[in-house]
Amino acid sequence: MDMELAGAELKSVLNRLRRAQGQISGVIRMIEEGRDCEDVITQLAAASRALDRAGFAIIATGLQQCVTDVESGRKNGEDAEQMRARLEKLFLSLA
């Protein structure tokens, strides 16, 4: 299953990933500086949420493309049930 992110979708996902990257860099710096545990955990939770949101956006795009593929009859060698199972597995990997 190939996925293509275009325009606003791509920009949104990349922004979320860059935000998470900055937050993770901040967590590393905070640990190196011996900062308060509560502050580190708060920053780490923010990074985790940013990654989750990016992952969900990617999966949502994949779902949309798969629905389009099924409706148009282009299944890339997979039937609808196989695609559904693969997408479910991806979705659950973020849960």
PDB file of N, CA and C in Angstrom:
ATOM      1  N   MET A   1       0.854  -1.167   0.000  1.00  0.00           N
ATOM      2  CA  MET A   1       0.000   0.000   0.000  1.00  0.00           C
ATOM      3  C   MET A   1       0.900   1.230   0.000  1.00  0.00           C
ATOM      4  N   ASP A   2       0.953   1.931  -1.089  1.00  0.00           N
ATOM      5  CA  ASP A   2       1.719   3.167  -1.171  1.00  0.00           C
ATOM      6  C   ASP A   2       0.859   4.308  -0.666  1.00  0.00           C
ATOM      7  N   MET A   3       1.518   5.268  -0.017  1.00  0.00           N
ATOM      8  CA  MET A   3       0.775   6.403   0.491  1.00  0.00           C
ATOM      9  C   MET A   3       1.408   7.675  -0.029  1.00  0.00           C
ATOM     10  N   GLU A   4       0.567   8.554  -0.486  1.00  0.00           N
ATOM     11  CA  GLU A   4       1.029   9.828  -0.993  1.00  0.00           C
ATOM     12  C   GLU A   4       0.417  10.932  -0.160  1.00  0.00           C
ATOM     13  N   LEU A   5       1.277  11.731   0.466  1.00  0.00           N
ATOM     14  CA  LEU A   5       0.810  12.907   1.191  1.00  0.00           C
ATOM     15  C   LEU A   5       1.015  14.102   0.268  1.00  0.00           C
ATOM     16  N   ALA A   6      -0.006  14.908   0.138  1.00  0.00           N
ATOM     17  CA  ALA A   6       0.084  16.039  -0.776  1.00  0.00           C
ATOM     18  C   ALA A   6      -0.276  17.330  -0.053  1.00  0.00           C
ATOM     19  N   GLY A   7       0.335  18.398  -0.497  1.00  0.00           N
ATOM     20  CA  GLY A   7      -0.017  19.739  -0.078  1.00  0.00           C
ATOM     21  C   GLY A   7      -0.157  19.939   1.410  1.00  0.00           C
ATOM     22  N   ALA A   8      -1.357  20.305   1.837  1.00  0.00           N
ATOM     23  CA  ALA A   8      -1.628  20.632   3.230  1.00  0.00           C
ATOM     24  C   ALA A   8      -1.397  19.434   4.148  1.00  0.00           C
ATOM     25  N   GLU A   9      -1.732  18.226   3.677  1.00  0.00           N
ATOM     26  CA  GLU A   9      -1.527  17.026   4.496  1.00  0.00           C
ATOM     27  C   GLU A   9      -0.046  16.849   4.819  1.00  0.00           C
ATOM     28  N   LEU A  10       0.790  16.969   3.788  1.00  0.00           N
ATOM     29  CA  LEU A  10       2.225  16.810   3.963  1.00  0.00           C
ATOM     30  C   LEU A  10       2.767  17.880   4.903  1.00  0.00           C
ATOM     31  N   LYS A  11       2.370  19.108   4.704  1.00  0.00           N
ATOM     32  CA  LYS A  11       2.847  20.208   5.532  1.00  0.00           C
ATOM     33  C   LYS A  11       2.455  19.995   6.991  1.00  0.00           C
ATOM     34  N   SER A  12       1.229  19.568   7.228  1.00  0.00           N
ATOM     35  CA  SER A  12       0.745  19.337   8.584  1.00  0.00           C
ATOM     36  C   SER A  12       1.533  18.228   9.278  1.00  0.00           C
ATOM     37  N   VAL A  13       1.737  17.120   8.588  1.00  0.00           N
ATOM     38  CA  VAL A  13       2.483  15.999   9.177  1.00  0.00           C
ATOM     39  C   VAL A  13       3.924  16.409   9.453  1.00  0.00           C
ATOM     40  N   LEU A  14       4.556  17.062   8.500  1.00  0.00           N
ATOM     41  CA  LEU A  14       5.944  17.490   8.702  1.00  0.00           C
ATOM     42  C   LEU A  14       6.061  18.477   9.854  1.00  0.00           C
ATOM     43  N   ASN A  15       5.107  19.400   9.981  1.00  0.00           N
ATOM     44  CA  ASN A  15       5.130  20.344  11.099  1.00  0.00           C
ATOM     45  C   ASN A  15       5.019  19.619  12.435  1.00  0.00           C
ATOM     46  N   ARG A  16       4.134  18.643  12.503  1.00  0.00           N
ATOM     47  CA  ARG A  16       3.980  17.873  13.748  1.00  0.00           C
ATOM     48  C   ARG A  16       5.260  17.117  14.083  1.00  0.00           C
ATOM     49  N   LEU A  17       5.881  16.519  13.069  1.00  0.00           N
ATOM     50  CA  LEU A  17       7.121  15.777  13.303  1.00  0.00           C
ATOM     51  C   LEU A  17       8.266  16.701  13.705  1.00  0.00           C
ATOM     52  N   ARG A  18       8.338  17.859  13.103  1.00  0.00           N
ATOM     53  CA  ARG A  18       9.383  18.831  13.487  1.00  0.00           C
ATOM     54  C   ARG A  18       9.158  19.332  14.915  1.00  0.00           C
ATOM     55  N   ARG A  19       7.896  19.528  15.279  1.00  0.00           N
ATOM     56  CA  ARG A  19       7.577  19.957  16.647  1.00  0.00           C
ATOM     57  C   ARG A  19       8.029  18.885  17.633  1.00  0.00           C
ATOM     58  N   ALA A  20       7.730  17.627  17.317  1.00  0.00           N
ATOM     59  CA  ALA A  20       8.148  16.531  18.193  1.00  0.00           C
ATOM     60  C   ALA A  20       9.670  16.445  18.274  1.00  0.00           C
ATOM     61  N   GLN A  21      10.331  16.656  17.148  1.00  0.00           N
ATOM     62  CA  GLN A  21      11.788  16.624  17.121  1.00  0.00           C
ATOM     63  C   GLN A  21      12.363  17.694  18.049  1.00  0.00           C
ATOM     64  N   GLY A  22      11.807  18.880  17.997  1.00  0.00           N
ATOM     65  CA  GLY A  22      12.259  19.956  18.877  1.00  0.00           C
ATOM     66  C   GLY A  22      11.991  19.642  20.337  1.00  0.00           C
ATOM     67  N   GLN A  23      10.830  19.059  20.612  1.00  0.00           N
ATOM     68  CA  GLN A  23      10.490  18.702  21.984  1.00  0.00           C
ATOM     69  C   GLN A  23      11.408  17.610  22.521  1.00  0.00           C
ATOM     70  N   ILE A  24      11.739  16.642  21.687  1.00  0.00           N
ATOM     71  CA  ILE A  24      12.644  15.572  22.117  1.00  0.00           C
ATOM     72  C   ILE A  24      14.038  16.134  22.373  1.00  0.00           C
ATOM     73  N   SER A  25      14.485  17.054  21.523  1.00  0.00           N
ATOM     74  CA  SER A  25      15.771  17.712  21.769  1.00  0.00           C
ATOM     75  C   SER A  25      15.739  18.453  23.104  1.00  0.00           C
ATOM     76  N   GLY A  26      14.600  19.078  23.380  1.00  0.00           N
ATOM     77  CA  GLY A  26      14.436  19.768  24.660  1.00  0.00           C
ATOM     78  C   GLY A  26      14.493  18.811  25.833  1.00  0.00           C
ATOM     79  N   VAL A  27      13.879  17.642  25.696  1.00  0.00           N
ATOM     80  CA  VAL A  27      13.911  16.641  26.766  1.00  0.00           C
ATOM     81  C   VAL A  27      15.348  16.195  27.026  1.00  0.00           C
ATOM     82  N   ILE A  28      16.082  15.928  25.972  1.00  0.00           N
ATOM     83  CA  ILE A  28      17.485  15.503  26.117  1.00  0.00           C
ATOM     84  C   ILE A  28      18.281  16.581  26.844  1.00  0.00           C
ATOM     85  N   ARG A  29      18.116  17.815  26.428  1.00  0.00           N
ATOM     86  CA  ARG A  29      18.824  18.938  27.047  1.00  0.00           C
ATOM     87  C   ARG A  29      18.447  19.061  28.527  1.00  0.00           C
ATOM     88  N   MET A  30      17.149  18.920  28.818  1.00  0.00           N
ATOM     89  CA  MET A  30      16.686  19.023  30.199  1.00  0.00           C
ATOM     90  C   MET A  30      17.305  17.935  31.077  1.00  0.00           C
ATOM     91  N   ILE A  31      17.390  16.726  30.559  1.00  0.00           N
ATOM     92  CA  ILE A  31      17.994  15.626  31.314  1.00  0.00           C
ATOM     93  C   ILE A  31      19.472  15.897  31.540  1.00  0.00           C
ATOM     94  N   GLU A  32      20.162  16.344  30.491  1.00  0.00           N
ATOM     95  CA  GLU A  32      21.592  16.652  30.614  1.00  0.00           C
ATOM     96  C   GLU A  32      21.850  17.752  31.631  1.00  0.00           C
ATOM     97  N   GLU A  33      20.915  18.692  31.748  1.00  0.00           N
ATOM     98  CA  GLU A  33      21.056  19.812  32.687  1.00  0.00           C
ATOM     99  C   GLU A  33      20.563  19.461  34.086  1.00  0.00           C
ATOM    100  N   GLY A  34      20.012  18.254  34.266  1.00  0.00           N
ATOM    101  CA  GLY A  34      19.526  17.840  35.571  1.00  0.00           C
ATOM    102  C   GLY A  34      18.257  18.556  36.000  1.00  0.00           C
ATOM    103  N   ARG A  35      17.409  18.891  35.037  1.00  0.00           N
ATOM    104  CA  ARG A  35      16.169  19.620  35.336  1.00  0.00           C
ATOM    105  C   ARG A  35      15.190  18.760  36.116  1.00  0.00           C
ATOM    106  N   ASP A  36      14.192  19.425  36.675  1.00  0.00           N
ATOM    107  CA  ASP A  36      13.161  18.796  37.490  1.00  0.00           C
ATOM    108  C   ASP A  36      12.454  17.679  36.723  1.00  0.00           C
ATOM    109  N   CYS A  37      12.230  16.562  37.380  1.00  0.00           N
ATOM    110  CA  CYS A  37      11.607  15.382  36.765  1.00  0.00           C
ATOM    111  C   CYS A  37      10.230  15.717  36.199  1.00  0.00           C
ATOM    112  N   GLU A  38       9.431  16.476  36.927  1.00  0.00           N
ATOM    113  CA  GLU A  38       8.083  16.814  36.464  1.00  0.00           C
ATOM    114  C   GLU A  38       8.129  17.617  35.160  1.00  0.00           C
ATOM    115  N   ASP A  39       9.079  18.535  35.057  1.00  0.00           N
ATOM    116  CA  ASP A  39       9.225  19.316  33.823  1.00  0.00           C
ATOM    117  C   ASP A  39       9.640  18.432  32.653  1.00  0.00           C
ATOM    118  N   VAL A  40      10.535  17.495  32.905  1.00  0.00           N
ATOM    119  CA  VAL A  40      10.995  16.568  31.856  1.00  0.00           C
ATOM    120  C   VAL A  40       9.827  15.712  31.370  1.00  0.00           C
ATOM    121  N   ILE A  41       9.059  15.171  32.307  1.00  0.00           N
ATOM    122  CA  ILE A  41       7.928  14.314  31.948  1.00  0.00           C
ATOM    123  C   ILE A  41       6.879  15.102  31.171  1.00  0.00           C
ATOM    124  N   THR A  42       6.627  16.337  31.568  1.00  0.00           N
ATOM    125  CA  THR A  42       5.654  17.180  30.855  1.00  0.00           C
ATOM    126  C   THR A  42       6.090  17.400  29.416  1.00  0.00           C
ATOM    127  N   GLN A  43       7.375  17.678  29.214  1.00  0.00           N
ATOM    128  CA  GLN A  43       7.896  17.896  27.865  1.00  0.00           C
ATOM    129  C   GLN A  43       7.872  16.600  27.059  1.00  0.00           C
ATOM    130  N   LEU A  44       8.179  15.494  27.704  1.00  0.00           N
ATOM    131  CA  LEU A  44       8.157  14.191  27.032  1.00  0.00           C
ATOM    132  C   LEU A  44       6.739  13.826  26.610  1.00  0.00           C
ATOM    133  N   ALA A  45       5.758  14.120  27.453  1.00  0.00           N
ATOM    134  CA  ALA A  45       4.360  13.852  27.107  1.00  0.00           C
ATOM    135  C   ALA A  45       3.930  14.684  25.903  1.00  0.00           C
ATOM    136  N   ALA A  46       4.379  15.930  25.830  1.00  0.00           N
ATOM    137  CA  ALA A  46       4.050  16.776  24.687  1.00  0.00           C
ATOM    138  C   ALA A  46       4.647  16.209  23.398  1.00  0.00           C
ATOM    139  N   ALA A  47       5.875  15.709  23.475  1.00  0.00           N
ATOM    140  CA  ALA A  47       6.512  15.100  22.304  1.00  0.00           C
ATOM    141  C   ALA A  47       5.752  13.849  21.875  1.00  0.00           C
ATOM    142  N   SER A  48       5.330  13.064  22.837  1.00  0.00           N
ATOM    143  CA  SER A  48       4.579  11.850  22.534  1.00  0.00           C
ATOM    144  C   SER A  48       3.257  12.172  21.842  1.00  0.00           C
ATOM    145  N   ARG A  49       2.552  13.201  22.328  1.00  0.00           N
ATOM    146  CA  ARG A  49       1.287  13.605  21.689  1.00  0.00           C
ATOM    147  C   ARG A  49       1.520  14.084  20.257  1.00  0.00           C
ATOM    148  N   ALA A  50       2.596  14.836  20.034  1.00  0.00           N
ATOM    149  CA  ALA A  50       2.896  15.321  18.687  1.00  0.00           C
ATOM    150  C   ALA A  50       3.165  14.156  17.740  1.00  0.00           C
ATOM    151  N   LEU A  51       3.895  13.150  18.212  1.00  0.00           N
ATOM    152  CA  LEU A  51       4.155  11.968  17.380  1.00  0.00           C
ATOM    153  C   LEU A  51       2.871  11.189  17.111  1.00  0.00           C
ATOM    154  N   ASP A  52       2.039  11.037  18.147  1.00  0.00           N
ATOM    155  CA  ASP A  52       0.760  10.344  17.960  1.00  0.00           C
ATOM    156  C   ASP A  52      -0.097  11.049  16.920  1.00  0.00           C
ATOM    157  N   ARG A  53      -0.176  12.358  16.999  1.00  0.00           N
ATOM    158  CA  ARG A  53      -0.998  13.111  16.049  1.00  0.00           C
ATOM    159  C   ARG A  53      -0.467  12.975  14.631  1.00  0.00           C
ATOM    160  N   ALA A  54       0.844  12.990  14.476  1.00  0.00           N
ATOM    161  CA  ALA A  54       1.426  12.795  13.145  1.00  0.00           C
ATOM    162  C   ALA A  54       1.087  11.401  12.625  1.00  0.00           C
ATOM    163  N   GLY A  55       1.202  10.404  13.481  1.00  0.00           N
ATOM    164  CA  GLY A  55       0.881   9.038  13.080  1.00  0.00           C
ATOM    165  C   GLY A  55      -0.577   8.882  12.693  1.00  0.00           C
ATOM    166  N   PHE A  56      -1.478   9.475  13.475  1.00  0.00           N
ATOM    167  CA  PHE A  56      -2.895   9.394  13.148  1.00  0.00           C
ATOM    168  C   PHE A  56      -3.210  10.110  11.841  1.00  0.00           C
ATOM    169  N   ALA A  57      -2.537  11.224  11.583  1.00  0.00           N
ATOM    170  CA  ALA A  57      -2.755  11.935  10.317  1.00  0.00           C
ATOM    171  C   ALA A  57      -2.307  11.080   9.135  1.00  0.00           C
ATOM    172  N   ILE A  58      -1.190  10.390   9.304  1.00  0.00           N
ATOM    173  CA  ILE A  58      -0.701   9.509   8.236  1.00  0.00           C
ATOM    174  C   ILE A  58      -1.674   8.351   8.025  1.00  0.00           C
ATOM    175  N   ILE A  59      -2.155   7.753   9.099  1.00  0.00           N
ATOM    176  CA  ILE A  59      -3.105   6.649   8.976  1.00  0.00           C
ATOM    177  C   ILE A  59      -4.406   7.121   8.347  1.00  0.00           C
ATOM    178  N   ALA A  60      -4.884   8.300   8.746  1.00  0.00           N
ATOM    179  CA  ALA A  60      -6.121   8.827   8.162  1.00  0.00           C
ATOM    180  C   ALA A  60      -5.976   9.001   6.654  1.00  0.00           C
ATOM    181  N   THR A  61      -4.827   9.473   6.226  1.00  0.00           N
ATOM    182  CA  THR A  61      -4.583   9.620   4.796  1.00  0.00           C
ATOM    183  C   THR A  61      -4.571   8.250   4.124  1.00  0.00           C
ATOM    184  N   GLY A  62      -3.935   7.274   4.779  1.00  0.00           N
ATOM    185  CA  GLY A  62      -3.913   5.919   4.242  1.00  0.00           C
ATOM    186  C   GLY A  62      -5.306   5.331   4.125  1.00  0.00           C
ATOM    187  N   LEU A  63      -6.138   5.561   5.139  1.00  0.00           N
ATOM    188  CA  LEU A  63      -7.512   5.076   5.085  1.00  0.00           C
ATOM    189  C   LEU A  63      -8.267   5.682   3.913  1.00  0.00           C
ATOM    190  N   GLN A  64      -8.108   6.969   3.746  1.00  0.00           N
ATOM    191  CA  GLN A  64      -8.795   7.666   2.657  1.00  0.00           C
ATOM    192  C   GLN A  64      -8.346   7.103   1.311  1.00  0.00           C
ATOM    193  N   GLN A  65      -7.056   6.882   1.150  1.00  0.00           N
ATOM    194  CA  GLN A  65      -6.547   6.347  -0.109  1.00  0.00           C
ATOM    195  C   GLN A  65      -7.024   4.920  -0.340  1.00  0.00           C
ATOM    196  N   CYS A  66      -7.085   4.128   0.729  1.00  0.00           N
ATOM    197  CA  CYS A  66      -7.558   2.746   0.577  1.00  0.00           C
ATOM    198  C   CYS A  66      -9.024   2.697   0.176  1.00  0.00           C
ATOM    199  N   VAL A  67      -9.834   3.567   0.767  1.00  0.00           N
ATOM    200  CA  VAL A  67     -11.253   3.620   0.395  1.00  0.00           C
ATOM    201  C   VAL A  67     -11.373   3.973  -1.081  1.00  0.00           C
ATOM    202  N   THR A  68     -10.579   4.933  -1.513  1.00  0.00           N
ATOM    203  CA  THR A  68     -10.594   5.329  -2.918  1.00  0.00           C
ATOM    204  C   THR A  68     -10.161   4.165  -3.808  1.00  0.00           C
ATOM    205  N   ASP A  69      -9.122   3.437  -3.380  1.00  0.00           N
ATOM    206  CA  ASP A  69      -8.643   2.290  -4.148  1.00  0.00           C
ATOM    207  C   ASP A  69      -9.712   1.208  -4.259  1.00  0.00           C
ATOM    208  N   VAL A  70     -10.377   0.914  -3.142  1.00  0.00           N
ATOM    209  CA  VAL A  70     -11.418  -0.118  -3.151  1.00  0.00           C
ATOM    210  C   VAL A  70     -12.573   0.307  -4.046  1.00  0.00           C
ATOM    211  N   GLU A  71     -12.994   1.566  -3.920  1.00  0.00           N
ATOM    212  CA  GLU A  71     -14.120   2.051  -4.715  1.00  0.00           C
ATOM    213  C   GLU A  71     -13.802   2.062  -6.202  1.00  0.00           C
ATOM    214  N   SER A  72     -12.545   2.319  -6.541  1.00  0.00           N
ATOM    215  CA  SER A  72     -12.189   2.375  -7.956  1.00  0.00           C
ATOM    216  C   SER A  72     -11.749   1.014  -8.500  1.00  0.00           C
ATOM    217  N   GLY A  73     -11.673   0.026  -7.618  1.00  0.00           N
ATOM    218  CA  GLY A  73     -11.304  -1.310  -8.068  1.00  0.00           C
ATOM    219  C   GLY A  73      -9.813  -1.543  -8.127  1.00  0.00           C
ATOM    220  N   ARG A  74      -9.004  -0.549  -7.748  1.00  0.00           N
ATOM    221  CA  ARG A  74      -7.549  -0.715  -7.718  1.00  0.00           C
ATOM    222  C   ARG A  74      -7.161  -1.192  -6.333  1.00  0.00           C
ATOM    223  N   LYS A  75      -6.771  -2.455  -6.250  1.00  0.00           N
ATOM    224  CA  LYS A  75      -6.523  -3.030  -4.933  1.00  0.00           C
ATOM    225  C   LYS A  75      -5.069  -3.457  -4.750  1.00  0.00           C
ATOM    226  N   ASN A  76      -4.191  -3.197  -5.703  1.00  0.00           N
ATOM    227  CA  ASN A  76      -2.775  -3.536  -5.601  1.00  0.00           C
ATOM    228  C   ASN A  76      -2.555  -4.990  -5.181  1.00  0.00           C
ATOM    229  N   GLY A  77      -3.371  -5.891  -5.703  1.00  0.00           N
ATOM    230  CA  GLY A  77      -3.221  -7.298  -5.383  1.00  0.00           C
ATOM    231  C   GLY A  77      -3.853  -7.707  -4.066  1.00  0.00           C
ATOM    232  N   GLU A  78      -4.382  -6.756  -3.320  1.00  0.00           N
ATOM    233  CA  GLU A  78      -5.018  -7.070  -2.051  1.00  0.00           C
ATOM    234  C   GLU A  78      -6.525  -6.917  -2.185  1.00  0.00           C
ATOM    235  N   ASP A  79      -7.250  -7.760  -1.477  1.00  0.00           N
ATOM    236  CA  ASP A  79      -8.688  -7.544  -1.442  1.00  0.00           C
ATOM    237  C   ASP A  79      -9.006  -6.579  -0.299  1.00  0.00           C
ATOM    238  N   ALA A  80     -10.242  -6.174  -0.225  1.00  0.00           N
ATOM    239  CA  ALA A  80     -10.654  -5.173   0.765  1.00  0.00           C
ATOM    240  C   ALA A  80     -10.385  -5.650   2.185  1.00  0.00           C
ATOM    241  N   GLU A  81     -10.589  -6.914   2.449  1.00  0.00           N
ATOM    242  CA  GLU A  81     -10.381  -7.440   3.804  1.00  0.00           C
ATOM    243  C   GLU A  81      -8.904  -7.413   4.193  1.00  0.00           C
ATOM    244  N   GLN A  82      -8.029  -7.734   3.251  1.00  0.00           N
ATOM    245  CA  GLN A  82      -6.591  -7.677   3.531  1.00  0.00           C
ATOM    246  C   GLN A  82      -6.149  -6.245   3.825  1.00  0.00           C
ATOM    247  N   MET A  83      -6.658  -5.287   3.044  1.00  0.00           N
ATOM    248  CA  MET A  83      -6.310  -3.886   3.297  1.00  0.00           C
ATOM    249  C   MET A  83      -6.833  -3.436   4.652  1.00  0.00           C
ATOM    250  N   ARG A  84      -8.059  -3.846   4.980  1.00  0.00           N
ATOM    251  CA  ARG A  84      -8.642  -3.467   6.259  1.00  0.00           C
ATOM    252  C   ARG A  84      -7.792  -4.008   7.412  1.00  0.00           C
ATOM    253  N   ALA A  85      -7.364  -5.246   7.300  1.00  0.00           N
ATOM    254  CA  ALA A  85      -6.553  -5.873   8.348  1.00  0.00           C
ATOM    255  C   ALA A  85      -5.215  -5.156   8.503  1.00  0.00           C
ATOM    256  N   ARG A  86      -4.585  -4.801   7.399  1.00  0.00           N
ATOM    257  CA  ARG A  86      -3.305  -4.077   7.468  1.00  0.00           C
ATOM    258  C   ARG A  86      -3.478  -2.718   8.107  1.00  0.00           C
ATOM    259  N   LEU A  87      -4.537  -2.007   7.741  1.00  0.00           N
ATOM    260  CA  LEU A  87      -4.774  -0.685   8.324  1.00  0.00           C
ATOM    261  C   LEU A  87      -5.121  -0.776   9.804  1.00  0.00           C
ATOM    262  N   GLU A  88      -5.885  -1.797  10.166  1.00  0.00           N
ATOM    263  CA  GLU A  88      -6.209  -1.994  11.575  1.00  0.00           C
ATOM    264  C   GLU A  88      -4.936  -2.230  12.382  1.00  0.00           C
ATOM    265  N   LYS A  89      -4.044  -3.043  11.852  1.00  0.00           N
ATOM    266  CA  LYS A  89      -2.776  -3.313  12.528  1.00  0.00           C
ATOM    267  C   LYS A  89      -1.965  -2.028  12.696  1.00  0.00           C
ATOM    268  N   LEU A  90      -1.917  -1.207  11.645  1.00  0.00           N
ATOM    269  CA  LEU A  90      -1.211   0.075  11.748  1.00  0.00           C
ATOM    270  C   LEU A  90      -1.836   0.975  12.809  1.00  0.00           C
ATOM    271  N   PHE A  91      -3.137   1.060  12.790  1.00  0.00           N
ATOM    272  CA  PHE A  91      -3.850   1.909  13.736  1.00  0.00           C
ATOM    273  C   PHE A  91      -3.580   1.447  15.165  1.00  0.00           C
ATOM    274  N   LEU A  92      -3.662   0.152  15.401  1.00  0.00           N
ATOM    275  CA  LEU A  92      -3.442  -0.376  16.746  1.00  0.00           C
ATOM    276  C   LEU A  92      -1.995  -0.217  17.200  1.00  0.00           C
ATOM    277  N   SER A  93      -1.063  -0.137  16.272  1.00  0.00           N
ATOM    278  CA  SER A  93       0.329   0.057  16.656  1.00  0.00           C
ATOM    279  C   SER A  93       0.548   1.409  17.323  1.00  0.00           C
ATOM    280  N   LEU A  94      -0.357   2.360  17.097  1.00  0.00           N
ATOM    281  CA  LEU A  94      -0.250   3.665  17.747  1.00  0.00           C
ATOM    282  C   LEU A  94      -1.030   3.731  19.047  1.00  0.00           C
ATOM    283  N   ALA A  95      -1.862   2.737  19.294  1.00  0.00           N
ATOM    284  CA  ALA A  95      -2.711   2.773  20.502  1.00  0.00           C
ATOM    285  C   ALA A  95      -1.918   2.463  21.754  1.00  0.00           C
TER     286      ALA A  95
END
